[in-house]
C-alpha atoms as a PDB file:
ATOM      1  CA  MET A   1      -0.537  -0.323   0.073  1.00  0.00           C
ATOM      2  CA  ASN A   2       2.888   2.871   0.715  1.00  0.00           C
ATOM      3  CA  ASP A   3       4.024   1.740  -2.272  1.00  0.00           C
ATOM      4  CA  VAL A   4       1.245   2.721  -4.358  1.00  0.00           C
ATOM      5  CA  THR A   5       0.015   5.568  -2.702  1.00  0.00           C
ATOM      6  CA  ARG A   6       3.314   6.955  -0.756  1.00  0.00           C
ATOM      7  CA  LYS A   7       1.547   7.036   2.510  1.00  0.00           C
ATOM      8  CA  PRO A   8       3.791   6.834   5.564  1.00  0.00           C
ATOM      9  CA  VAL A   9       1.116   5.518   7.731  1.00  0.00           C
ATOM     10  CA  TYR A  10       1.352   2.000   6.113  1.00  0.00           C
ATOM     11  CA  ARG A  11       5.133   2.270   5.709  1.00  0.00           C
ATOM     12  CA  GLU A  12       4.967   2.713   9.370  1.00  0.00           C
ATOM     13  CA  ARG A  13       2.344   0.067  10.392  1.00  0.00           C
ATOM     14  CA  ALA A  14       4.323  -2.773   8.680  1.00  0.00           C
ATOM     15  CA  GLU A  15       7.515  -1.961  10.624  1.00  0.00           C
ATOM     16  CA  LYS A  16       5.163  -2.026  13.613  1.00  0.00           C
ATOM     17  CA  TRP A  17       4.177  -6.138  12.224  1.00  0.00           C
ATOM     18  CA  PHE A  18       7.071  -7.438  11.110  1.00  0.00           C
ATOM     19  CA  ARG A  19       9.049  -5.949  14.866  1.00  0.00           C
ATOM     20  CA  LEU A  20       6.209  -8.171  16.510  1.00  0.00           C
ATOM     21  CA  MET A  21       6.913 -10.952  14.375  1.00  0.00           C
ATOM     22  CA  LYS A  22      10.543 -10.616  14.877  1.00  0.00           C
ATOM     23  CA  SER A  23      10.511 -10.578  18.387  1.00  0.00           C
ATOM     24  CA  ARG A  24       8.646 -14.112  18.635  1.00  0.00           C
ATOM     25  CA  MET A  25      11.034 -15.832  16.277  1.00  0.00           C
ATOM     26  CA  LYS A  26      13.349 -17.665  17.909  1.00  0.00           C
ATOM     27  CA  THR A  27      16.526 -18.916  17.002  1.00  0.00           C
ATOM     28  CA  ARG A  28      17.843 -23.363  18.084  1.00  0.00           C
ATOM     29  CA  GLU A  29      21.416 -24.337  17.576  1.00  0.00           C
ATOM     30  CA  GLY A  30      23.158 -21.908  19.246  1.00  0.00           C
ATOM     31  CA  GLY A  31      21.471 -19.836  16.871  1.00  0.00           C
ATOM     32  CA  LYS A  32      21.682 -21.289  13.417  1.00  0.00           C
ATOM     33  CA  TYR A  33      17.982 -22.275  12.877  1.00  0.00           C
ATOM     34  CA  PHE A  34      15.009 -19.872  13.040  1.00  0.00           C
ATOM     35  CA  VAL A  35      11.915 -21.400  14.571  1.00  0.00           C
ATOM     36  CA  TRP A  36       8.847 -19.411  15.539  1.00  0.00           C
ATOM     37  CA  ASN A  37       5.005 -20.453  16.822  1.00  0.00           C
ATOM     38  CA  TYR A  38       2.483 -20.249  15.617  1.00  0.00           C
ATOM     39  CA  TRP A  39      -0.137 -17.885  17.125  1.00  0.00           C
ATOM     40  CA  ASP A  40       1.616 -16.626  20.235  1.00  0.00           C
ATOM     41  CA  PRO A  41      -0.941 -14.039  22.839  1.00  0.00           C
ATOM     42  CA  ALA A  42      -0.319 -10.449  22.220  1.00  0.00           C
ATOM     43  CA  GLY A  43      -1.559  -9.213  25.224  1.00  0.00           C
ATOM     44  CA  PRO A  44      -3.996  -9.758  28.424  1.00  0.00           C
ATOM     45  CA  TRP A  45      -7.260 -10.567  26.089  1.00  0.00           C
ATOM     46  CA  ASP A  46      -5.719 -13.624  24.520  1.00  0.00           C
ATOM     47  CA  TYR A  47      -6.413 -15.176  28.195  1.00  0.00           C
ATOM     48  CA  LYS A  48      -9.582 -16.782  29.348  1.00  0.00           C
ATOM     49  CA  PRO A  49      -9.909 -15.335  33.091  1.00  0.00           C
ATOM     50  CA  ASP A  50      -8.980 -18.730  34.556  1.00  0.00           C
ATOM     51  CA  GLY A  51      -5.639 -17.985  32.819  1.00  0.00           C
ATOM     52  CA  PRO A  52      -4.985 -20.538  29.963  1.00  0.00           C
ATOM     53  CA  THR A  53      -4.531 -18.795  26.470  1.00  0.00           C
ATOM     54  CA  ARG A  54      -7.720 -18.907  24.113  1.00  0.00           C
ATOM     55  CA  HIS A  55      -5.266 -20.595  21.544  1.00  0.00           C
ATOM     56  CA  TRP A  56      -3.126 -23.296  21.328  1.00  0.00           C
ATOM     57  CA  VAL A  57       0.070 -22.186  21.108  1.00  0.00           C
ATOM     58  CA  GLY A  58       3.626 -24.072  19.006  1.00  0.00           C
ATOM     59  CA  VAL A  59       4.133 -24.776  15.867  1.00  0.00           C
ATOM     60  CA  HIS A  60       1.613 -25.389  13.556  1.00  0.00           C
ATOM     61  CA  PRO A  61       2.009 -28.787  12.271  1.00  0.00           C
ATOM     62  CA  ASN A  62       0.860 -27.323   8.629  1.00  0.00           C
ATOM     63  CA  GLY A  63       3.915 -26.188   6.550  1.00  0.00           C
ATOM     64  CA  GLY A  64       2.348 -24.113   4.314  1.00  0.00           C
ATOM     65  CA  TYR A  65       1.542 -21.518   7.419  1.00  0.00           C
ATOM     66  CA  TYR A  66       5.543 -20.528   7.483  1.00  0.00           C
ATOM     67  CA  ALA A  67       6.262 -20.700   4.072  1.00  0.00           C
ATOM     68  CA  ILE A  68       3.367 -17.773   3.667  1.00  0.00           C
ATOM     69  CA  ASP A  69       5.570 -16.226   6.373  1.00  0.00           C
ATOM     70  CA  VAL A  70       8.341 -16.293   4.736  1.00  0.00           C
ATOM     71  CA  GLU A  71       6.887 -14.722   2.007  1.00  0.00           C
ATOM     72  CA  GLY A  72       5.943 -11.659   4.461  1.00  0.00           C
ATOM     73  CA  ILE A  73       9.153 -11.418   5.938  1.00  0.00           C
ATOM     74  CA  VAL A  74      10.724 -11.559   2.675  1.00  0.00           C
ATOM     75  CA  ALA A  75       8.679  -8.769   1.457  1.00  0.00           C
ATOM     76  CA  ALA A  76       9.826  -7.202   4.674  1.00  0.00           C
ATOM     77  CA  PHE A  77      13.597  -7.308   4.170  1.00  0.00           C
ATOM     78  CA  ASP A  78      13.054  -6.626  -0.340  1.00  0.00           C
ATOM     79  CA  HIS A  79      11.632  -3.102   1.446  1.00  0.00           C
ATOM     80  CA  GLY A  80      14.454  -2.188   3.788  1.00  0.00           C
ATOM     81  CA  LEU A  81      11.732  -2.935   6.599  1.00  0.00           C
ATOM     82  CA  VAL A  82      12.989  -4.527  10.321  1.00  0.00           C
ATOM     83  CA  PHE A  83      14.466  -7.900   8.646  1.00  0.00           C
ATOM     84  CA  THR A  84      18.709  -7.538   7.631  1.00  0.00           C
ATOM     85  CA  ARG A  85      20.796  -9.997   5.173  1.00  0.00           C
ATOM     86  CA  ASP A  86      21.469 -12.110   7.951  1.00  0.00           C
ATOM     87  CA  ASP A  87      17.813 -12.661   8.958  1.00  0.00           C
ATOM     88  CA  ILE A  88      17.620 -13.752   5.438  1.00  0.00           C
ATOM     89  CA  GLN A  89      20.460 -16.328   5.569  1.00  0.00           C
ATOM     90  CA  ARG A  90      19.050 -17.264   8.653  1.00  0.00           C
ATOM     91  CA  LEU A  91      16.255 -18.309   7.045  1.00  0.00           C
ATOM     92  CA  VAL A  92      17.500 -20.060   4.652  1.00  0.00           C
ATOM     93  CA  THR A  93      19.597 -22.429   6.989  1.00  0.00           C
ATOM     94  CA  THR A  94      16.711 -23.095   8.528  1.00  0.00           C
ATOM     95  CA  ASN A  95      14.438 -24.148   5.150  1.00  0.00           C
ATOM     96  CA  ARG A  96      17.829 -25.285   3.703  1.00  0.00           C
ATOM     97  CA  ASP A  97      20.422 -26.932   6.090  1.00  0.00           C
ATOM     98  CA  PHE A  98      17.875 -28.365   8.593  1.00  0.00           C
ATOM     99  CA  MET A  99      14.307 -28.914   7.192  1.00  0.00           C
ATOM    100  CA  TRP A 100      15.539 -30.234   3.467  1.00  0.00           C
ATOM    101  CA  ASN A 101      16.360 -34.262   3.173  1.00  0.00           C
ATOM    102  CA  GLN A 102      19.135 -32.696   0.934  1.00  0.00           C
ATOM    103  CA  GLN A 103      17.312 -34.560  -2.300  1.00  0.00           C
ATOM    104  CA  ILE A 104      17.287 -32.082  -5.276  1.00  0.00           C
ATOM    105  CA  LYS A 105      15.040 -34.787  -7.035  1.00  0.00           C
ATOM    106  CA  GLY A 106      11.973 -35.179  -5.153  1.00  0.00           C
ATOM    107  CA  ALA A 107      12.541 -33.099  -2.366  1.00  0.00           C
ATOM    108  CA  LYS A 108      10.931 -33.234   0.759  1.00  0.00           C
ATOM    109  CA  PHE A 109      11.222 -30.801   3.770  1.00  0.00           C
ATOM    110  CA  GLN A 110      10.194 -31.327   7.523  1.00  0.00           C
ATOM    111  CA  ARG A 111       8.775 -29.326  10.278  1.00  0.00           C
ATOM    112  CA  ILE A 112      10.365 -26.421  11.561  1.00  0.00           C
ATOM    113  CA  ASP A 113      11.095 -27.377  14.574  1.00  0.00           C
ATOM    114  CA  GLY A 114      11.755 -31.154  13.683  1.00  0.00           C
ATOM    115  CA  GLY A 115       8.340 -32.565  15.413  1.00  0.00           C
ATOM    116  CA  GLU A 116       6.590 -35.603  13.482  1.00  0.00           C
ATOM    117  CA  PRO A 117       4.633 -35.486  11.057  1.00  0.00           C
ATOM    118  CA  ASP A 118       0.349 -34.365  11.579  1.00  0.00           C
ATOM    119  CA  ALA A 119      -1.334 -37.220  10.002  1.00  0.00           C
ATOM    120  CA  ARG A 120      -3.713 -34.507   8.568  1.00  0.00           C
ATOM    121  CA  TRP A 121      -0.742 -32.623   6.549  1.00  0.00           C
ATOM    122  CA  LYS A 122       0.867 -35.767   6.283  1.00  0.00           C
ATOM    123  CA  ASP A 123       2.471 -34.129   2.581  1.00  0.00           C
ATOM    124  CA  SER A 124       3.197 -30.484   4.021  1.00  0.00           C
ATOM    125  CA  PRO A 125       5.165 -30.673   7.487  1.00  0.00           C
ATOM    126  CA  GLY A 126       7.517 -28.427   5.713  1.00  0.00           C
ATOM    127  CA  MET A 127       7.522 -26.708   2.275  1.00  0.00           C
ATOM    128  CA  LEU A 128      10.498 -25.187   0.533  1.00  0.00           C
ATOM    129  CA  TRP A 129      10.431 -21.426   1.340  1.00  0.00           C
ATOM    130  CA  THR A 130       9.887 -20.141  -1.796  1.00  0.00           C
ATOM    131  CA  ALA A 131       9.836 -16.608  -1.421  1.00  0.00           C
ATOM    132  CA  LEU A 132      14.422 -17.335  -0.351  1.00  0.00           C
ATOM    133  CA  VAL A 133      14.887 -18.899  -4.268  1.00  0.00           C
ATOM    134  CA  PRO A 134      15.979 -15.870  -5.657  1.00  0.00           C
ATOM    135  CA  TYR A 135      18.586 -15.636  -2.362  1.00  0.00           C
ATOM    136  CA  ASP A 136      20.541 -18.982  -2.605  1.00  0.00           C
ATOM    137  CA  GLU A 137      21.405 -20.839  -5.442  1.00  0.00           C
ATOM    138  CA  THR A 138      20.529 -24.676  -3.357  1.00  0.00           C
ATOM    139  CA  LEU A 139      17.341 -23.690  -3.274  1.00  0.00           C
ATOM    140  CA  ARG A 140      16.787 -22.124  -6.524  1.00  0.00           C
ATOM    141  CA  LYS A 141      17.840 -25.932  -8.075  1.00  0.00           C
ATOM    142  CA  VAL A 142      15.488 -27.531  -5.770  1.00  0.00           C
ATOM    143  CA  PHE A 143      12.461 -24.502  -6.882  1.00  0.00           C
ATOM    144  CA  LEU A 144      13.492 -25.567 -10.824  1.00  0.00           C
ATOM    145  CA  GLU A 145      13.559 -29.355 -10.216  1.00  0.00           C
ATOM    146  CA  ASN A 146      10.178 -29.810  -8.687  1.00  0.00           C
ATOM    147  CA  HIS A 147       7.544 -26.736  -9.565  1.00  0.00           C
ATOM    148  CA  ASN A 148       4.771 -27.419 -11.157  1.00  0.00           C
ATOM    149  CA  PRO A 149       3.899 -24.362 -13.366  1.00  0.00           C
ATOM    150  CA  ALA A 150       0.242 -26.079 -14.024  1.00  0.00           C
ATOM    151  CA  SER A 151      -0.844 -26.280 -10.795  1.00  0.00           C
ATOM    152  CA  TRP A 152      -2.400 -23.720  -8.533  1.00  0.00           C
ATOM    153  CA  GLY A 153       0.090 -22.568  -6.406  1.00  0.00           C
ATOM    154  CA  GLY A 154       1.863 -22.270 -10.109  1.00  0.00           C
ATOM    155  CA  LEU A 155      -0.717 -20.132 -11.210  1.00  0.00           C
ATOM    156  CA  ALA A 156       0.843 -16.992  -8.577  1.00  0.00           C
ATOM    157  CA  VAL A 157       4.364 -18.256  -8.359  1.00  0.00           C
ATOM    158  CA  THR A 158       5.514 -19.330 -11.926  1.00  0.00           C
ATOM    159  CA  PRO A 159       5.222 -15.311 -13.419  1.00  0.00           C
ATOM    160  CA  TRP A 160       6.610 -14.208  -9.744  1.00  0.00           C
ATOM    161  CA  PHE A 161       9.660 -16.490 -10.356  1.00  0.00           C
ATOM    162  CA  LEU A 162       9.981 -15.417 -14.065  1.00  0.00           C
ATOM    163  CA  ALA A 163      10.127 -11.620 -13.352  1.00  0.00           C
ATOM    164  CA  ARG A 164      12.688 -11.834 -10.868  1.00  0.00           C
ATOM    165  CA  GLU A 165      14.777 -14.530 -12.907  1.00  0.00           C
ATOM    166  CA  GLN A 166      15.152 -12.924 -16.136  1.00  0.00           C
ATOM    167  CA  PRO A 167      12.926  -9.777 -16.864  1.00  0.00           C
ATOM    168  CA  GLY A 168      13.193  -8.931 -20.718  1.00  0.00           C
ATOM    169  CA  PRO A 169      12.305 -11.082 -23.920  1.00  0.00           C
ATOM    170  CA  GLN A 170      11.511 -14.837 -23.788  1.00  0.00           C
ATOM    171  CA  ALA A 171      14.441 -15.456 -25.633  1.00  0.00           C
ATOM    172  CA  SER A 172      16.478 -14.524 -22.879  1.00  0.00           C
ATOM    173  CA  PHE A 173      14.771 -16.268 -20.743  1.00  0.00           C
ATOM    174  CA  GLU A 174      14.088 -19.496 -22.446  1.00  0.00           C
ATOM    175  CA  ASN A 175      17.681 -19.685 -23.471  1.00  0.00           C
ATOM    176  CA  LYS A 176      19.455 -19.135 -19.474  1.00  0.00           C
ATOM    177  CA  ILE A 177      17.248 -21.748 -18.338  1.00  0.00           C
ATOM    178  CA  ARG A 178      18.198 -24.645 -20.949  1.00  0.00           C
ATOM    179  CA  SER A 179      21.656 -23.770 -21.008  1.00  0.00           C
ATOM    180  CA  GLN A 180      21.332 -25.095 -17.650  1.00  0.00           C
ATOM    181  CA  GLY A 181      19.170 -27.914 -18.497  1.00  0.00           C
ATOM    182  CA  CYS A 182      16.126 -26.726 -16.699  1.00  0.00           C
ATOM    183  CA  LEU A 183      13.311 -25.817 -19.408  1.00  0.00           C
ATOM    184  CA  ARG A 184      11.351 -29.319 -18.753  1.00  0.00           C
ATOM    185  CA  PRO A 185       8.183 -29.652 -21.386  1.00  0.00           C
ATOM    186  CA  ARG A 186       5.937 -27.815 -18.678  1.00  0.00           C
ATOM    187  CA  TRP A 187       8.438 -24.914 -17.974  1.00  0.00           C
ATOM    188  CA  LYS A 188       7.885 -24.466 -22.272  1.00  0.00           C
ATOM    189  CA  LYS A 189       4.261 -24.485 -21.872  1.00  0.00           C
ATOM    190  CA  ILE A 190       3.311 -22.264 -19.163  1.00  0.00           C
ATOM    191  CA  TRP A 191       6.483 -19.836 -20.205  1.00  0.00           C
ATOM    192  CA  ARG A 192       4.420 -19.876 -23.823  1.00  0.00           C
ATOM    193  CA  GLY A 193       1.319 -19.384 -22.646  1.00  0.00           C
ATOM    194  CA  LEU A 194       2.045 -16.263 -20.152  1.00  0.00           C
ATOM    195  CA  ALA A 195       4.263 -14.900 -23.941  1.00  0.00           C
ATOM    196  CA  ALA A 196       0.562 -15.632 -25.167  1.00  0.00           C
ATOM    197  CA  VAL A 197      -1.676 -13.526 -23.028  1.00  0.00           C
ATOM    198  CA  ARG A 198       1.714 -10.619 -22.552  1.00  0.00           C
ATOM    199  CA  VAL A 199       1.235 -10.263 -26.441  1.00  0.00           C
ATOM    200  CA  HIS A 200      -2.441 -10.370 -26.791  1.00  0.00           C
ATOM    201  CA  GLY A 201      -4.042  -9.423 -24.243  1.00  0.00           C
ATOM    202  CA  ARG A 202      -2.527  -5.955 -24.082  1.00  0.00           C
ATOM    203  CA  GLY A 203      -5.091  -3.014 -24.969  1.00  0.00           C
ATOM    204  CA  GLY A 204      -7.748  -5.320 -24.332  1.00  0.00           C
ATOM    205  CA  HIS A 205      -7.705  -7.542 -27.605  1.00  0.00           C
END
């Protein structure tokens, strides 16, 4: 909102929120990894009259929530708010060195705290934190190998990745990823589809 309106109030509100969020993020193993709860009480109103919190406190077994959190953190960092390069690197280290199974093909990710998977989210106890792909070559390789541009999530992530990776003509990007052996058929199809939208969709045609 600040980018669009240039009203300082939106940046001020974002900074307050992200400072609160960062205060709730803890480190483990000598400061190597980050971990944080899905929810923490913000004040007296978050406690019941007899003492307990109104919501459970702990790491959520659905890793998708943490991927969303990291998107916000990276957006804050990109705007010069609260989070530092060291914070981004610690997030990379958490996702790459602790959560990931170290397999490029068929990559899997465990929970942010290393806990046992919950049967309700057995396929997503942890996830690739896609927002970190521009900041780490290994996570980028994992993304390129496993991302499905035709998936529901791919509808949003694919154009974001292409724009971040190589702004400019189709040929430039296509040649770049072909040279790295990453231009699989599904990437060709989605790229050509996006190019068609860009060309034929202008001016309402």
